[in-house]
C-alpha atoms as a PDB file:
ATOM      1  CA  MET A   1       0.000   0.000   0.000  1.00  0.00           C
ATOM      2  CA  ASN A   2       1.377   3.410  -0.780  1.00  0.00           C
ATOM      3  CA  THR A   3       0.318   7.001  -1.047  1.00  0.00           C
ATOM      4  CA  LYS A   4       2.525   8.059  -3.911  1.00  0.00           C
ATOM      5  CA  ASN A   5       1.413  11.293  -5.459  1.00  0.00           C
ATOM      6  CA  ASN A   6       2.668  12.045  -8.967  1.00  0.00           C
ATOM      7  CA  GLY A   7       5.481   9.541  -8.442  1.00  0.00           C
ATOM      8  CA  SER A   8       6.902  11.225  -5.342  1.00  0.00           C
ATOM      9  CA  PHE A   9       7.827   9.156  -2.291  1.00  0.00           C
ATOM     10  CA  ARG A  10       5.882   9.742   0.896  1.00  0.00           C
ATOM     11  CA  ALA A  11       7.836   9.397   4.118  1.00  0.00           C
ATOM     12  CA  VAL A  12       4.962   7.441   5.681  1.00  0.00           C
ATOM     13  CA  ASP A  13       4.757   4.691   3.041  1.00  0.00           C
ATOM     14  CA  HIS A  14       6.537   2.211   5.336  1.00  0.00           C
ATOM     15  CA  LYS A  15       3.697   2.558   7.869  1.00  0.00           C
ATOM     16  CA  LEU A  16       0.913   1.758   5.378  1.00  0.00           C
ATOM     17  CA  MET A  17       0.382  -1.975   5.085  1.00  0.00           C
ATOM     18  CA  ARG A  18      -2.022  -4.471   3.630  1.00  0.00           C
ATOM     19  CA  ARG A  19      -3.421  -6.986   6.091  1.00  0.00           C
ATOM     20  CA  SER A  20      -1.070  -9.818   5.059  1.00  0.00           C
ATOM     21  CA  GLU A  21       2.018  -7.578   5.315  1.00  0.00           C
ATOM     22  CA  LEU A  22       0.831  -6.234   8.639  1.00  0.00           C
ATOM     23  CA  ALA A  23       0.287  -9.716  10.099  1.00  0.00           C
ATOM     24  CA  LYS A  24       3.914 -10.580   9.273  1.00  0.00           C
ATOM     25  CA  ALA A  25       5.259  -7.317  10.738  1.00  0.00           C
ATOM     26  CA  ILE A  26       3.282  -7.852  13.938  1.00  0.00           C
ATOM     27  CA  GLN A  27       4.396 -11.459  14.236  1.00  0.00           C
ATOM     28  CA  GLU A  28       8.006 -10.257  13.950  1.00  0.00           C
ATOM     29  CA  ALA A  29       7.463  -7.536  16.568  1.00  0.00           C
ATOM     30  CA  LYS A  30       5.859 -10.016  18.961  1.00  0.00           C
ATOM     31  CA  SER A  31       8.764 -12.428  18.471  1.00  0.00           C
ATOM     32  CA  GLN A  32      10.983  -9.589  19.737  1.00  0.00           C
ATOM     33  CA  GLY A  33       8.844  -9.306  22.866  1.00  0.00           C
ATOM     34  CA  LYS A  34       6.973  -6.181  21.806  1.00  0.00           C
ATOM     35  CA  LYS A  35       3.421  -5.596  23.001  1.00  0.00           C
ATOM     36  CA  VAL A  36       1.121  -4.725  20.075  1.00  0.00           C
ATOM     37  CA  VAL A  37      -1.799  -2.354  20.572  1.00  0.00           C
ATOM     38  CA  PHE A  38      -4.586  -2.139  18.013  1.00  0.00           C
ATOM     39  CA  THR A  39      -7.391   0.339  17.566  1.00  0.00           C
ATOM     40  CA  ASN A  40      -9.767   1.115  14.760  1.00  0.00           C
ATOM     41  CA  GLY A  41     -12.100   3.816  13.549  1.00  0.00           C
ATOM     42  CA  CYS A  42     -13.176   6.129  10.769  1.00  0.00           C
ATOM     43  CA  PHE A  43     -10.869   9.003  11.743  1.00  0.00           C
ATOM     44  CA  ASP A  44     -12.749  11.352   9.425  1.00  0.00           C
ATOM     45  CA  ILE A  45     -11.633  14.962  10.019  1.00  0.00           C
ATOM     46  CA  LEU A  46      -8.886  14.238  12.520  1.00  0.00           C
ATOM     47  CA  HIS A  47      -9.287  16.360  15.665  1.00  0.00           C
ATOM     48  CA  ILE A  48      -7.681  16.783  19.093  1.00  0.00           C
ATOM     49  CA  GLY A  49      -9.813  13.995  20.589  1.00  0.00           C
ATOM     50  CA  HIS A  50      -8.426  11.564  18.016  1.00  0.00           C
ATOM     51  CA  ILE A  51      -4.858  12.688  18.670  1.00  0.00           C
ATOM     52  CA  ARG A  52      -5.128  12.378  22.460  1.00  0.00           C
ATOM     53  CA  TYR A  53      -6.846   9.021  22.154  1.00  0.00           C
ATOM     54  CA  LEU A  54      -4.169   7.654  19.805  1.00  0.00           C
ATOM     55  CA  GLN A  55      -1.371   8.903  22.053  1.00  0.00           C
ATOM     56  CA  ASP A  56      -3.024   7.255  25.069  1.00  0.00           C
ATOM     57  CA  ALA A  57      -3.607   4.032  23.108  1.00  0.00           C
ATOM     58  CA  ARG A  58       0.073   3.970  22.093  1.00  0.00           C
ATOM     59  CA  SER A  59       1.123   4.285  25.730  1.00  0.00           C
ATOM     60  CA  CYS A  60      -0.545   0.897  26.404  1.00  0.00           C
ATOM     61  CA  GLY A  61       2.184  -0.990  24.530  1.00  0.00           C
ATOM     62  CA  ASP A  62       5.203  -0.876  22.239  1.00  0.00           C
ATOM     63  CA  LEU A  63       3.519  -0.558  18.828  1.00  0.00           C
ATOM     64  CA  LEU A  64       0.240   1.059  17.783  1.00  0.00           C
ATOM     65  CA  VAL A  65      -1.608  -0.351  14.792  1.00  0.00           C
ATOM     66  CA  VAL A  66      -4.604   1.593  13.479  1.00  0.00           C
ATOM     67  CA  GLY A  67      -7.315  -0.048  11.381  1.00  0.00           C
ATOM     68  CA  VAL A  68      -9.151   2.530   9.282  1.00  0.00           C
ATOM     69  CA  ASN A  69     -12.660   2.001   7.942  1.00  0.00           C
ATOM     70  CA  SER A  70     -12.855   2.152   4.151  1.00  0.00           C
ATOM     71  CA  ASP A  71     -15.011   4.834   2.542  1.00  0.00           C
ATOM     72  CA  ALA A  72     -17.746   2.252   1.875  1.00  0.00           C
ATOM     73  CA  SER A  73     -17.823   1.076   5.492  1.00  0.00           C
ATOM     74  CA  VAL A  74     -17.895   4.674   6.761  1.00  0.00           C
ATOM     75  CA  ARG A  75     -20.939   5.334   4.568  1.00  0.00           C
ATOM     76  CA  LYS A  76     -22.660   2.284   6.110  1.00  0.00           C
ATOM     77  CA  LEU A  77     -21.867   3.486   9.628  1.00  0.00           C
ATOM     78  CA  LYS A  78     -22.280   7.254   9.296  1.00  0.00           C
ATOM     79  CA  GLY A  79     -24.540   7.807   6.289  1.00  0.00           C
ATOM     80  CA  PRO A  80     -24.230   8.764   2.610  1.00  0.00           C
ATOM     81  CA  GLU A  81     -22.587  12.156   3.233  1.00  0.00           C
ATOM     82  CA  ARG A  82     -19.570  10.597   4.932  1.00  0.00           C
ATOM     83  CA  PRO A  83     -16.681  10.330   4.922  1.00  0.00           C
ATOM     84  CA  ILE A  84     -15.611  13.906   4.340  1.00  0.00           C
ATOM     85  CA  ILE A  85     -11.966  12.888   3.857  1.00  0.00           C
ATOM     86  CA  PRO A  86     -11.241  10.009   1.399  1.00  0.00           C
ATOM     87  CA  GLU A  87      -9.745   6.795   2.792  1.00  0.00           C
ATOM     88  CA  PHE A  88      -6.224   7.144   1.402  1.00  0.00           C
ATOM     89  CA  GLU A  89      -5.925  10.680   2.760  1.00  0.00           C
ATOM     90  CA  ARG A  90      -7.145   9.482   6.180  1.00  0.00           C
ATOM     91  CA  LEU A  91      -4.556   6.686   6.057  1.00  0.00           C
ATOM     92  CA  GLU A  92      -1.722   9.051   5.190  1.00  0.00           C
ATOM     93  CA  VAL A  93      -2.644  11.587   7.873  1.00  0.00           C
ATOM     94  CA  LEU A  94      -2.738   8.882  10.542  1.00  0.00           C
ATOM     95  CA  ALA A  95       0.536   7.373   9.333  1.00  0.00           C
ATOM     96  CA  ALA A  96       2.194  10.774   9.695  1.00  0.00           C
ATOM     97  CA  LEU A  97       1.556  10.764  13.446  1.00  0.00           C
ATOM     98  CA  GLY A  98       4.531   9.820  15.592  1.00  0.00           C
ATOM     99  CA  CYS A  99       2.416   7.710  17.955  1.00  0.00           C
ATOM    100  CA  VAL A 100       1.179   5.479  15.101  1.00  0.00           C
ATOM    101  CA  ASP A 101       3.423   2.636  13.948  1.00  0.00           C
ATOM    102  CA  TYR A 102       1.263   0.984  11.274  1.00  0.00           C
ATOM    103  CA  VAL A 103      -1.971   1.797   9.465  1.00  0.00           C
ATOM    104  CA  THR A 104      -4.193  -0.486   7.434  1.00  0.00           C
ATOM    105  CA  LEU A 105      -7.532  -0.225   5.697  1.00  0.00           C
ATOM    106  CA  PHE A 106     -10.454  -2.558   6.345  1.00  0.00           C
ATOM    107  CA  SER A 107     -13.745  -2.728   4.497  1.00  0.00           C
ATOM    108  CA  GLU A 108     -15.761  -5.004   6.766  1.00  0.00           C
ATOM    109  CA  ASP A 109     -18.466  -3.614   9.056  1.00  0.00           C
ATOM    110  CA  THR A 110     -16.421  -4.554  12.136  1.00  0.00           C
ATOM    111  CA  PRO A 111     -12.693  -5.063  12.802  1.00  0.00           C
ATOM    112  CA  ILE A 112     -13.224  -8.736  13.722  1.00  0.00           C
ATOM    113  CA  GLU A 113     -11.484 -10.221  10.661  1.00  0.00           C
ATOM    114  CA  LEU A 114      -8.590  -7.799  11.020  1.00  0.00           C
ATOM    115  CA  ILE A 115      -8.160  -8.653  14.709  1.00  0.00           C
ATOM    116  CA  LEU A 116      -8.176 -12.375  13.894  1.00  0.00           C
ATOM    117  CA  ALA A 117      -5.513 -11.795  11.211  1.00  0.00           C
ATOM    118  CA  ILE A 118      -3.102  -9.596  13.177  1.00  0.00           C
ATOM    119  CA  LYS A 119      -3.653 -10.940  16.724  1.00  0.00           C
ATOM    120  CA  PRO A 120      -2.936  -7.826  18.805  1.00  0.00           C
ATOM    121  CA  ASP A 121      -2.094  -8.082  22.495  1.00  0.00           C
ATOM    122  CA  ILE A 122      -4.339  -5.152  23.388  1.00  0.00           C
ATOM    123  CA  HIS A 123      -7.361  -3.716  21.590  1.00  0.00           C
ATOM    124  CA  THR A 124      -8.185  -0.183  22.700  1.00  0.00           C
ATOM    125  CA  LYS A 125     -11.418   1.755  22.397  1.00  0.00           C
ATOM    126  CA  GLY A 126     -12.375   5.212  23.622  1.00  0.00           C
ATOM    127  CA  GLY A 127     -14.234   5.987  26.820  1.00  0.00           C
ATOM    128  CA  ASP A 128     -17.566   6.165  25.007  1.00  0.00           C
ATOM    129  CA  TYR A 129     -17.490   2.361  24.518  1.00  0.00           C
ATOM    130  CA  LYS A 130     -18.239  -0.481  26.913  1.00  0.00           C
ATOM    131  CA  ILE A 131     -16.499  -3.830  26.522  1.00  0.00           C
ATOM    132  CA  GLU A 132     -19.781  -5.731  26.625  1.00  0.00           C
ATOM    133  CA  ASP A 133     -21.071  -3.705  23.656  1.00  0.00           C
ATOM    134  CA  LEU A 134     -18.096  -4.419  21.367  1.00  0.00           C
ATOM    135  CA  SER A 135     -18.840  -6.873  18.569  1.00  0.00           C
ATOM    136  CA  GLU A 136     -15.119  -7.654  18.378  1.00  0.00           C
ATOM    137  CA  ALA A 137     -14.720  -8.593  22.067  1.00  0.00           C
ATOM    138  CA  GLU A 138     -14.875 -12.345  21.392  1.00  0.00           C
ATOM    139  CA  ALA A 139     -12.301 -12.060  18.574  1.00  0.00           C
ATOM    140  CA  VAL A 140      -9.886 -10.242  20.902  1.00  0.00           C
ATOM    141  CA  LYS A 141     -10.335 -13.004  23.480  1.00  0.00           C
ATOM    142  CA  THR A 142      -9.871 -15.687  20.807  1.00  0.00           C
ATOM    143  CA  VAL A 143      -6.429 -14.326  19.842  1.00  0.00           C
ATOM    144  CA  GLY A 144      -5.365 -14.103  23.492  1.00  0.00           C
ATOM    145  CA  GLY A 145      -5.644 -10.326  23.728  1.00  0.00           C
ATOM    146  CA  ARG A 146      -7.406  -8.010  26.101  1.00  0.00           C
ATOM    147  CA  ILE A 147      -9.520  -4.901  25.655  1.00  0.00           C
ATOM    148  CA  GLN A 148      -8.457  -1.615  27.211  1.00  0.00           C
ATOM    149  CA  ILE A 149     -10.957   1.234  27.394  1.00  0.00           C
ATOM    150  CA  VAL A 150      -9.018   4.499  27.184  1.00  0.00           C
ATOM    151  CA  PRO A 151     -10.885   7.114  29.225  1.00  0.00           C
ATOM    152  CA  TYR A 152     -11.362  10.645  27.989  1.00  0.00           C
ATOM    153  CA  THR A 153      -9.227  13.206  29.788  1.00  0.00           C
ATOM    154  CA  ASP A 154     -11.120  16.261  28.543  1.00  0.00           C
ATOM    155  CA  THR A 155     -14.291  16.785  26.539  1.00  0.00           C
ATOM    156  CA  GLY A 156     -12.837  19.497  24.300  1.00  0.00           C
ATOM    157  CA  THR A 157     -14.914  22.326  22.885  1.00  0.00           C
ATOM    158  CA  LEU A 158     -16.921  20.083  20.561  1.00  0.00           C
ATOM    159  CA  GLY A 159     -17.055  16.959  22.700  1.00  0.00           C
ATOM    160  CA  TRP A 160     -14.365  15.238  20.614  1.00  0.00           C
ATOM    161  CA  SER A 161     -16.738  14.313  17.856  1.00  0.00           C
ATOM    162  CA  THR A 162     -16.329  14.571  14.095  1.00  0.00           C
ATOM    163  CA  SER A 163     -20.124  14.621  13.816  1.00  0.00           C
ATOM    164  CA  ASN A 164     -20.282  17.605  16.194  1.00  0.00           C
ATOM    165  CA  LEU A 165     -17.524  19.332  14.241  1.00  0.00           C
ATOM    166  CA  ILE A 166     -19.439  18.850  10.979  1.00  0.00           C
ATOM    167  CA  LYS A 167     -22.636  20.182  12.611  1.00  0.00           C
ATOM    168  CA  LYS A 168     -20.744  23.284  13.775  1.00  0.00           C
ATOM    169  CA  ILE A 169     -19.274  23.908  10.314  1.00  0.00           C
ATOM    170  CA  VAL A 170     -22.684  23.554   8.661  1.00  0.00           C
ATOM    171  CA  SER A 171     -24.283  25.793  11.293  1.00  0.00           C
ATOM    172  CA  ASP A 172     -21.580  28.470  10.854  1.00  0.00           C
ATOM    173  CA  VAL A 173     -21.979  28.373   7.054  1.00  0.00           C
ATOM    174  CA  LYS A 174     -25.758  28.798   7.337  1.00  0.00           C
ATOM    175  CA  SER A 175     -25.530  31.759   9.746  1.00  0.00           C
END
């Protein structure tokens, strides 16, 4: 997977991986005793809540892997007007973050298949989730991992929500 633009190399290309490549990289990291943390999401219009969450998720282990919903799966989850930012731009932005070690795209409705393929040690979700409500909880258990809920440390001006940010932009444009 790469984000080459007009033939120019992107410094983050080494962080962007297909599932099969990622599984091998994670297996190698685990063989070196590294603890692998995984999280997933749409990450449409990256904001301070995303950044703080990703930094906190990274602090749970040695490597942070981010699974990003494809454009089609975002539309299923969020509606026909989303995503605002196309999938390969969302991937590249996330890969540019220092706290993120690897990024991969997934098109399924849930990250279950990705979790089963990469076998992370820890699966993190934000404080707005409950373990018992996660469809992927059984998959995490199956691969011998655990789920870590990362609590919010601050609500931010827009409640750390891309949906709230979009509502504010639309409201400001209309007024």
